[in-house]
Amino acid sequence: MSGGKSYTPNRLIKYRKNMRYSQQYVARKLKLSSSSVLSKWEKGISRPGLEDLLKLSLLYNTLVEELYAEFREALRDELQLHIQQHGQ
């Protein structure tokens, strides 16, 4: 997870579509400057801040960790590897 710019895997599109929300609707609810901000989050180009992430989980009626399950797993694996290599 360290290094240059990279794609952040997420399930934002899946959960938005499950709720049948448009990007414009979600952007308005989160008071984003435009739906392009949400689009960048969904594409993994950028990530929402904590407050917006919590709002998304509430709006989509799911846990934050479900929205970023793959990213969470990658972070867990990275942390476990670091602990194995350097001890607790």
PDB file of N, CA and C in Angstrom:
ATOM      1  N   MET A   1       0.809  -1.189   0.000  1.00  0.00           N
ATOM      2  CA  MET A   1       0.000   0.000   0.000  1.00  0.00           C
ATOM      3  C   MET A   1       0.858   1.261   0.000  1.00  0.00           C
ATOM      4  N   SER A   2       2.150   1.081   0.160  1.00  0.00           N
ATOM      5  CA  SER A   2       3.009   2.247   0.135  1.00  0.00           C
ATOM      6  C   SER A   2       3.507   2.474  -1.278  1.00  0.00           C
ATOM      7  N   GLY A   3       4.082   3.629  -1.495  1.00  0.00           N
ATOM      8  CA  GLY A   3       4.595   3.931  -2.816  1.00  0.00           C
ATOM      9  C   GLY A   3       3.761   4.985  -3.494  1.00  0.00           C
ATOM     10  N   GLY A   4       3.856   5.045  -4.806  1.00  0.00           N
ATOM     11  CA  GLY A   4       3.181   6.074  -5.580  1.00  0.00           C
ATOM     12  C   GLY A   4       1.682   5.894  -5.648  1.00  0.00           C
ATOM     13  N   LYS A   5       1.120   6.625  -6.561  1.00  0.00           N
ATOM     14  CA  LYS A   5      -0.326   6.593  -6.750  1.00  0.00           C
ATOM     15  C   LYS A   5      -0.773   5.216  -7.190  1.00  0.00           C
ATOM     16  N   SER A   6      -1.868   4.752  -6.616  1.00  0.00           N
ATOM     17  CA  SER A   6      -2.378   3.452  -7.011  1.00  0.00           C
ATOM     18  C   SER A   6      -3.895   3.442  -6.896  1.00  0.00           C
ATOM     19  N   TYR A   7      -4.484   2.470  -7.506  1.00  0.00           N
ATOM     20  CA  TYR A   7      -5.920   2.260  -7.488  1.00  0.00           C
ATOM     21  C   TYR A   7      -6.326   1.669  -6.140  1.00  0.00           C
ATOM     22  N   THR A   8      -7.386   2.194  -5.543  1.00  0.00           N
ATOM     23  CA  THR A   8      -7.893   1.657  -4.286  1.00  0.00           C
ATOM     24  C   THR A   8      -9.167   0.866  -4.563  1.00  0.00           C
ATOM     25  N   PRO A   9      -9.095  -0.467  -4.470  1.00  0.00           N
ATOM     26  CA  PRO A   9     -10.285  -1.280  -4.749  1.00  0.00           C
ATOM     27  C   PRO A   9     -11.395  -0.993  -3.747  1.00  0.00           C
ATOM     28  N   ASN A  10     -12.610  -0.950  -4.257  1.00  0.00           N
ATOM     29  CA  ASN A  10     -13.759  -0.694  -3.393  1.00  0.00           C
ATOM     30  C   ASN A  10     -15.033  -1.247  -4.026  1.00  0.00           C
ATOM     31  N   ARG A  11     -16.093  -1.197  -3.260  1.00  0.00           N
ATOM     32  CA  ARG A  11     -17.401  -1.691  -3.709  1.00  0.00           C
ATOM     33  C   ARG A  11     -18.440  -0.567  -3.737  1.00  0.00           C
ATOM     34  N   LEU A  12     -17.985   0.651  -3.916  1.00  0.00           N
ATOM     35  CA  LEU A  12     -18.890   1.804  -3.874  1.00  0.00           C
ATOM     36  C   LEU A  12     -19.953   1.749  -4.972  1.00  0.00           C
ATOM     37  N   ILE A  13     -19.550   1.384  -6.175  1.00  0.00           N
ATOM     38  CA  ILE A  13     -20.522   1.315  -7.280  1.00  0.00           C
ATOM     39  C   ILE A  13     -21.566   0.245  -6.984  1.00  0.00           C
ATOM     40  N   LYS A  14     -21.114  -0.910  -6.537  1.00  0.00           N
ATOM     41  CA  LYS A  14     -22.022  -2.017  -6.236  1.00  0.00           C
ATOM     42  C   LYS A  14     -23.092  -1.593  -5.233  1.00  0.00           C
ATOM     43  N   TYR A  15     -22.658  -0.973  -4.142  1.00  0.00           N
ATOM     44  CA  TYR A  15     -23.617  -0.587  -3.105  1.00  0.00           C
ATOM     45  C   TYR A  15     -24.525   0.554  -3.561  1.00  0.00           C
ATOM     46  N   ARG A  16     -23.971   1.502  -4.327  1.00  0.00           N
ATOM     47  CA  ARG A  16     -24.816   2.591  -4.838  1.00  0.00           C
ATOM     48  C   ARG A  16     -25.885   2.037  -5.766  1.00  0.00           C
ATOM     49  N   LYS A  17     -25.483   1.141  -6.654  1.00  0.00           N
ATOM     50  CA  LYS A  17     -26.448   0.569  -7.602  1.00  0.00           C
ATOM     51  C   LYS A  17     -27.454  -0.334  -6.904  1.00  0.00           C
ATOM     52  N   ASN A  18     -27.019  -1.050  -5.857  1.00  0.00           N
ATOM     53  CA  ASN A  18     -27.970  -1.867  -5.086  1.00  0.00           C
ATOM     54  C   ASN A  18     -29.069  -1.009  -4.475  1.00  0.00           C
ATOM     55  N   MET A  19     -28.720   0.218  -4.108  1.00  0.00           N
ATOM     56  CA  MET A  19     -29.707   1.140  -3.542  1.00  0.00           C
ATOM     57  C   MET A  19     -30.481   1.894  -4.632  1.00  0.00           C
ATOM     58  N   ARG A  20     -30.055   1.700  -5.874  1.00  0.00           N
ATOM     59  CA  ARG A  20     -30.658   2.370  -7.036  1.00  0.00           C
ATOM     60  C   ARG A  20     -30.530   3.892  -6.973  1.00  0.00           C
ATOM     61  N   TYR A  21     -29.388   4.328  -6.485  1.00  0.00           N
ATOM     62  CA  TYR A  21     -29.090   5.757  -6.404  1.00  0.00           C
ATOM     63  C   TYR A  21     -28.219   6.157  -7.585  1.00  0.00           C
ATOM     64  N   SER A  22     -28.445   7.347  -8.087  1.00  0.00           N
ATOM     65  CA  SER A  22     -27.558   7.897  -9.115  1.00  0.00           C
ATOM     66  C   SER A  22     -26.367   8.557  -8.429  1.00  0.00           C
ATOM     67  N   GLN A  23     -25.313   8.766  -9.190  1.00  0.00           N
ATOM     68  CA  GLN A  23     -24.162   9.481  -8.635  1.00  0.00           C
ATOM     69  C   GLN A  23     -24.565  10.891  -8.207  1.00  0.00           C
ATOM     70  N   GLN A  24     -25.425  11.515  -8.989  1.00  0.00           N
ATOM     71  CA  GLN A  24     -25.859  12.872  -8.675  1.00  0.00           C
ATOM     72  C   GLN A  24     -26.613  12.909  -7.342  1.00  0.00           C
ATOM     73  N   TYR A  25     -27.465  11.919  -7.108  1.00  0.00           N
ATOM     74  CA  TYR A  25     -28.233  11.847  -5.867  1.00  0.00           C
ATOM     75  C   TYR A  25     -27.291  11.725  -4.665  1.00  0.00           C
ATOM     76  N   VAL A  26     -26.333  10.809  -4.751  1.00  0.00           N
ATOM     77  CA  VAL A  26     -25.392  10.593  -3.650  1.00  0.00           C
ATOM     78  C   VAL A  26     -24.545  11.847  -3.432  1.00  0.00           C
ATOM     79  N   ALA A  27     -24.084  12.444  -4.509  1.00  0.00           N
ATOM     80  CA  ALA A  27     -23.266  13.663  -4.401  1.00  0.00           C
ATOM     81  C   ALA A  27     -24.042  14.770  -3.686  1.00  0.00           C
ATOM     82  N   ARG A  28     -25.322  14.916  -4.003  1.00  0.00           N
ATOM     83  CA  ARG A  28     -26.147  15.930  -3.319  1.00  0.00           C
ATOM     84  C   ARG A  28     -26.301  15.610  -1.842  1.00  0.00           C
ATOM     85  N   LYS A  29     -26.559  14.349  -1.522  1.00  0.00           N
ATOM     86  CA  LYS A  29     -26.749  13.953  -0.122  1.00  0.00           C
ATOM     87  C   LYS A  29     -25.483  14.178   0.703  1.00  0.00           C
ATOM     88  N   LEU A  30     -24.318  13.985   0.075  1.00  0.00           N
ATOM     89  CA  LEU A  30     -23.054  14.172   0.780  1.00  0.00           C
ATOM     90  C   LEU A  30     -22.536  15.607   0.661  1.00  0.00           C
ATOM     91  N   LYS A  31     -23.293  16.439  -0.069  1.00  0.00           N
ATOM     92  CA  LYS A  31     -22.924  17.843  -0.281  1.00  0.00           C
ATOM     93  C   LYS A  31     -21.547  17.975  -0.934  1.00  0.00           C
ATOM     94  N   LEU A  32     -21.315  17.115  -1.939  1.00  0.00           N
ATOM     95  CA  LEU A  32     -20.063  17.163  -2.688  1.00  0.00           C
ATOM     96  C   LEU A  32     -20.129  18.278  -3.721  1.00  0.00           C
ATOM     97  N   SER A  33     -18.995  18.776  -4.145  1.00  0.00           N
ATOM     98  CA  SER A  33     -18.962  19.853  -5.131  1.00  0.00           C
ATOM     99  C   SER A  33     -19.540  19.410  -6.471  1.00  0.00           C
ATOM    100  N   SER A  34     -19.363  18.121  -6.807  1.00  0.00           N
ATOM    101  CA  SER A  34     -19.955  17.568  -8.025  1.00  0.00           C
ATOM    102  C   SER A  34     -19.918  16.043  -7.937  1.00  0.00           C
ATOM    103  N   SER A  35     -20.628  15.403  -8.850  1.00  0.00           N
ATOM    104  CA  SER A  35     -20.639  13.941  -8.864  1.00  0.00           C
ATOM    105  C   SER A  35     -19.299  13.375  -9.334  1.00  0.00           C
ATOM    106  N   SER A  36     -18.452  14.214  -9.918  1.00  0.00           N
ATOM    107  CA  SER A  36     -17.135  13.724 -10.353  1.00  0.00           C
ATOM    108  C   SER A  36     -16.270  13.321  -9.155  1.00  0.00           C
ATOM    109  N   VAL A  37     -16.505  13.928  -8.006  1.00  0.00           N
ATOM    110  CA  VAL A  37     -15.785  13.538  -6.789  1.00  0.00           C
ATOM    111  C   VAL A  37     -16.141  12.097  -6.442  1.00  0.00           C
ATOM    112  N   LEU A  38     -17.436  11.789  -6.452  1.00  0.00           N
ATOM    113  CA  LEU A  38     -17.905  10.433  -6.178  1.00  0.00           C
ATOM    114  C   LEU A  38     -17.375   9.464  -7.232  1.00  0.00           C
ATOM    115  N   SER A  39     -17.370   9.884  -8.479  1.00  0.00           N
ATOM    116  CA  SER A  39     -16.862   9.048  -9.565  1.00  0.00           C
ATOM    117  C   SER A  39     -15.407   8.660  -9.317  1.00  0.00           C
ATOM    118  N   LYS A  40     -14.588   9.600  -8.860  1.00  0.00           N
ATOM    119  CA  LYS A  40     -13.185   9.310  -8.562  1.00  0.00           C
ATOM    120  C   LYS A  40     -13.060   8.319  -7.411  1.00  0.00           C
ATOM    121  N   TRP A  41     -13.926   8.446  -6.411  1.00  0.00           N
ATOM    122  CA  TRP A  41     -13.916   7.477  -5.311  1.00  0.00           C
ATOM    123  C   TRP A  41     -14.267   6.091  -5.838  1.00  0.00           C
ATOM    124  N   GLU A  42     -15.330   6.036  -6.649  1.00  0.00           N
ATOM    125  CA  GLU A  42     -15.792   4.746  -7.175  1.00  0.00           C
ATOM    126  C   GLU A  42     -14.751   4.078  -8.066  1.00  0.00           C
ATOM    127  N   LYS A  43     -14.008   4.876  -8.805  1.00  0.00           N
ATOM    128  CA  LYS A  43     -12.962   4.335  -9.685  1.00  0.00           C
ATOM    129  C   LYS A  43     -11.690   4.005  -8.924  1.00  0.00           C
ATOM    130  N   GLY A  44     -11.628   4.388  -7.657  1.00  0.00           N
ATOM    131  CA  GLY A  44     -10.448   4.121  -6.853  1.00  0.00           C
ATOM    132  C   GLY A  44      -9.312   5.091  -7.085  1.00  0.00           C
ATOM    133  N   ILE A  45      -9.594   6.190  -7.770  1.00  0.00           N
ATOM    134  CA  ILE A  45      -8.582   7.199  -8.059  1.00  0.00           C
ATOM    135  C   ILE A  45      -8.246   7.994  -6.796  1.00  0.00           C
ATOM    136  N   SER A  46      -9.261   8.240  -5.994  1.00  0.00           N
ATOM    137  CA  SER A  46      -9.071   8.910  -4.708  1.00  0.00           C
ATOM    138  C   SER A  46      -9.996   8.249  -3.691  1.00  0.00           C
ATOM    139  N   ARG A  47      -9.834   8.628  -2.431  1.00  0.00           N
ATOM    140  CA  ARG A  47     -10.634   8.029  -1.367  1.00  0.00           C
ATOM    141  C   ARG A  47     -11.365   9.113  -0.590  1.00  0.00           C
ATOM    142  N   PRO A  48     -12.568   8.799  -0.121  1.00  0.00           N
ATOM    143  CA  PRO A  48     -13.294   9.776   0.700  1.00  0.00           C
ATOM    144  C   PRO A  48     -12.637   9.919   2.066  1.00  0.00           C
ATOM    145  N   GLY A  49     -12.836  11.077   2.673  1.00  0.00           N
ATOM    146  CA  GLY A  49     -12.399  11.280   4.049  1.00  0.00           C
ATOM    147  C   GLY A  49     -13.303  10.487   4.981  1.00  0.00           C
ATOM    148  N   LEU A  50     -12.926  10.457   6.236  1.00  0.00           N
ATOM    149  CA  LEU A  50     -13.653   9.661   7.219  1.00  0.00           C
ATOM    150  C   LEU A  50     -15.125  10.037   7.296  1.00  0.00           C
ATOM    151  N   GLU A  51     -15.424  11.323   7.362  1.00  0.00           N
ATOM    152  CA  GLU A  51     -16.822  11.744   7.489  1.00  0.00           C
ATOM    153  C   GLU A  51     -17.654  11.294   6.290  1.00  0.00           C
ATOM    154  N   ASP A  52     -17.129  11.496   5.083  1.00  0.00           N
ATOM    155  CA  ASP A  52     -17.871  11.075   3.886  1.00  0.00           C
ATOM    156  C   ASP A  52     -17.984   9.559   3.809  1.00  0.00           C
ATOM    157  N   LEU A  53     -16.961   8.865   4.245  1.00  0.00           N
ATOM    158  CA  LEU A  53     -17.003   7.402   4.246  1.00  0.00           C
ATOM    159  C   LEU A  53     -18.092   6.890   5.193  1.00  0.00           C
ATOM    160  N   LEU A  54     -18.180   7.507   6.356  1.00  0.00           N
ATOM    161  CA  LEU A  54     -19.235   7.126   7.295  1.00  0.00           C
ATOM    162  C   LEU A  54     -20.621   7.456   6.736  1.00  0.00           C
ATOM    163  N   LYS A  55     -20.743   8.592   6.080  1.00  0.00           N
ATOM    164  CA  LYS A  55     -22.022   8.961   5.457  1.00  0.00           C
ATOM    165  C   LYS A  55     -22.408   7.959   4.367  1.00  0.00           C
ATOM    166  N   LEU A  56     -21.418   7.539   3.563  1.00  0.00           N
ATOM    167  CA  LEU A  56     -21.695   6.546   2.528  1.00  0.00           C
ATOM    168  C   LEU A  56     -22.197   5.247   3.145  1.00  0.00           C
ATOM    169  N   SER A  57     -21.565   4.811   4.217  1.00  0.00           N
ATOM    170  CA  SER A  57     -21.993   3.563   4.854  1.00  0.00           C
ATOM    171  C   SER A  57     -23.416   3.686   5.386  1.00  0.00           C
ATOM    172  N   LEU A  58     -23.761   4.848   5.913  1.00  0.00           N
ATOM    173  CA  LEU A  58     -25.132   5.063   6.396  1.00  0.00           C
ATOM    174  C   LEU A  58     -26.116   5.116   5.234  1.00  0.00           C
ATOM    175  N   LEU A  59     -25.746   5.831   4.188  1.00  0.00           N
ATOM    176  CA  LEU A  59     -26.618   5.970   3.019  1.00  0.00           C
ATOM    177  C   LEU A  59     -26.846   4.629   2.330  1.00  0.00           C
ATOM    178  N   TYR A  60     -25.803   3.800   2.281  1.00  0.00           N
ATOM    179  CA  TYR A  60     -25.895   2.502   1.624  1.00  0.00           C
ATOM    180  C   TYR A  60     -26.289   1.383   2.580  1.00  0.00           C
ATOM    181  N   ASN A  61     -26.482   1.744   3.837  1.00  0.00           N
ATOM    182  CA  ASN A  61     -26.925   0.786   4.852  1.00  0.00           C
ATOM    183  C   ASN A  61     -25.990  -0.422   4.960  1.00  0.00           C
ATOM    184  N   THR A  62     -24.686  -0.120   5.074  1.00  0.00           N
ATOM    185  CA  THR A  62     -23.688  -1.169   5.210  1.00  0.00           C
ATOM    186  C   THR A  62     -22.542  -0.674   6.077  1.00  0.00           C
ATOM    187  N   LEU A  63     -21.628  -1.550   6.392  1.00  0.00           N
ATOM    188  CA  LEU A  63     -20.462  -1.185   7.184  1.00  0.00           C
ATOM    189  C   LEU A  63     -19.374  -0.589   6.297  1.00  0.00           C
ATOM    190  N   VAL A  64     -18.587   0.299   6.858  1.00  0.00           N
ATOM    191  CA  VAL A  64     -17.471   0.898   6.125  1.00  0.00           C
ATOM    192  C   VAL A  64     -16.562  -0.189   5.562  1.00  0.00           C
ATOM    193  N   GLU A  65     -16.276  -1.188   6.375  1.00  0.00           N
ATOM    194  CA  GLU A  65     -15.352  -2.234   5.918  1.00  0.00           C
ATOM    195  C   GLU A  65     -15.904  -3.027   4.741  1.00  0.00           C
ATOM    196  N   GLU A  66     -17.207  -3.034   4.560  1.00  0.00           N
ATOM    197  CA  GLU A  66     -17.788  -3.690   3.381  1.00  0.00           C
ATOM    198  C   GLU A  66     -17.548  -2.863   2.125  1.00  0.00           C
ATOM    199  N   LEU A  67     -17.519  -1.549   2.278  1.00  0.00           N
ATOM    200  CA  LEU A  67     -17.300  -0.678   1.121  1.00  0.00           C
ATOM    201  C   LEU A  67     -15.874  -0.790   0.592  1.00  0.00           C
ATOM    202  N   TYR A  68     -14.944  -1.102   1.484  1.00  0.00           N
ATOM    203  CA  TYR A  68     -13.530  -1.215   1.119  1.00  0.00           C
ATOM    204  C   TYR A  68     -12.955  -2.549   1.581  1.00  0.00           C
ATOM    205  N   ALA A  69     -13.677  -3.622   1.365  1.00  0.00           N
ATOM    206  CA  ALA A  69     -13.278  -4.947   1.868  1.00  0.00           C
ATOM    207  C   ALA A  69     -11.919  -5.397   1.330  1.00  0.00           C
ATOM    208  N   GLU A  70     -11.692  -5.272   0.046  1.00  0.00           N
ATOM    209  CA  GLU A  70     -10.432  -5.719  -0.548  1.00  0.00           C
ATOM    210  C   GLU A  70      -9.263  -4.873  -0.043  1.00  0.00           C
ATOM    211  N   PHE A  71      -9.476  -3.577   0.067  1.00  0.00           N
ATOM    212  CA  PHE A  71      -8.446  -2.669   0.565  1.00  0.00           C
ATOM    213  C   PHE A  71      -8.120  -3.002   2.023  1.00  0.00           C
ATOM    214  N   ARG A  72      -9.142  -3.282   2.807  1.00  0.00           N
ATOM    215  CA  ARG A  72      -8.963  -3.655   4.208  1.00  0.00           C
ATOM    216  C   ARG A  72      -8.131  -4.932   4.317  1.00  0.00           C
ATOM    217  N   GLU A  73      -8.439  -5.916   3.482  1.00  0.00           N
ATOM    218  CA  GLU A  73      -7.692  -7.179   3.496  1.00  0.00           C
ATOM    219  C   GLU A  73      -6.228  -6.952   3.125  1.00  0.00           C
ATOM    220  N   ALA A  74      -5.987  -6.121   2.129  1.00  0.00           N
ATOM    221  CA  ALA A  74      -4.613  -5.833   1.716  1.00  0.00           C
ATOM    222  C   ALA A  74      -3.853  -5.135   2.848  1.00  0.00           C
ATOM    223  N   LEU A  75      -4.508  -4.210   3.532  1.00  0.00           N
ATOM    224  CA  LEU A  75      -3.874  -3.538   4.665  1.00  0.00           C
ATOM    225  C   LEU A  75      -3.578  -4.524   5.797  1.00  0.00           C
ATOM    226  N   ARG A  76      -4.521  -5.421   6.058  1.00  0.00           N
ATOM    227  CA  ARG A  76      -4.330  -6.437   7.090  1.00  0.00           C
ATOM    228  C   ARG A  76      -3.119  -7.310   6.761  1.00  0.00           C
ATOM    229  N   ASP A  77      -3.047  -7.764   5.507  1.00  0.00           N
ATOM    230  CA  ASP A  77      -1.934  -8.613   5.087  1.00  0.00           C
ATOM    231  C   ASP A  77      -0.603  -7.877   5.215  1.00  0.00           C
ATOM    232  N   GLU A  78      -0.592  -6.606   4.821  1.00  0.00           N
ATOM    233  CA  GLU A  78       0.619  -5.799   4.919  1.00  0.00           C
ATOM    234  C   GLU A  78       1.048  -5.640   6.382  1.00  0.00           C
ATOM    235  N   LEU A  79       0.087  -5.387   7.251  1.00  0.00           N
ATOM    236  CA  LEU A  79       0.381  -5.230   8.672  1.00  0.00           C
ATOM    237  C   LEU A  79       0.891  -6.533   9.284  1.00  0.00           C
ATOM    238  N   GLN A  80       0.258  -7.647   8.937  1.00  0.00           N
ATOM    239  CA  GLN A  80       0.697  -8.940   9.453  1.00  0.00           C
ATOM    240  C   GLN A  80       2.114  -9.264   8.989  1.00  0.00           C
ATOM    241  N   LEU A  81       2.419  -8.962   7.747  1.00  0.00           N
ATOM    242  CA  LEU A  81       3.763  -9.199   7.227  1.00  0.00           C
ATOM    243  C   LEU A  81       4.783  -8.351   7.987  1.00  0.00           C
ATOM    244  N   HIS A  82       4.446  -7.109   8.219  1.00  0.00           N
ATOM    245  CA  HIS A  82       5.344  -6.216   8.958  1.00  0.00           C
ATOM    246  C   HIS A  82       5.586  -6.741  10.374  1.00  0.00           C
ATOM    247  N   ILE A  83       4.539  -7.213  11.021  1.00  0.00           N
ATOM    248  CA  ILE A  83       4.674  -7.765  12.374  1.00  0.00           C
ATOM    249  C   ILE A  83       5.560  -9.009  12.357  1.00  0.00           C
ATOM    250  N   GLN A  84       5.378  -9.860  11.353  1.00  0.00           N
ATOM    251  CA  GLN A  84       6.190 -11.078  11.239  1.00  0.00           C
ATOM    252  C   GLN A  84       7.673 -10.736  11.032  1.00  0.00           C
ATOM    253  N   GLN A  85       7.904  -9.710  10.242  1.00  0.00           N
ATOM    254  CA  GLN A  85       9.271  -9.344   9.903  1.00  0.00           C
ATOM    255  C   GLN A  85       9.975  -8.595  11.034  1.00  0.00           C
ATOM    256  N   HIS A  86       9.223  -7.793  11.760  1.00  0.00           N
ATOM    257  CA  HIS A  86       9.833  -6.903  12.750  1.00  0.00           C
ATOM    258  C   HIS A  86       9.396  -7.174  14.180  1.00  0.00           C
ATOM    259  N   GLY A  87       8.555  -8.149  14.366  1.00  0.00           N
ATOM    260  CA  GLY A  87       8.068  -8.460  15.706  1.00  0.00           C
ATOM    261  C   GLY A  87       6.983  -7.482  16.131  1.00  0.00           C
ATOM    262  N   GLN A  88       6.393  -7.786  17.248  1.00  0.00           N
ATOM    263  CA  GLN A  88       5.304  -6.945  17.740  1.00  0.00           C
ATOM    264  C   GLN A  88       5.894  -5.749  18.419  1.00  0.00           C
TER     265      GLN A  88
END
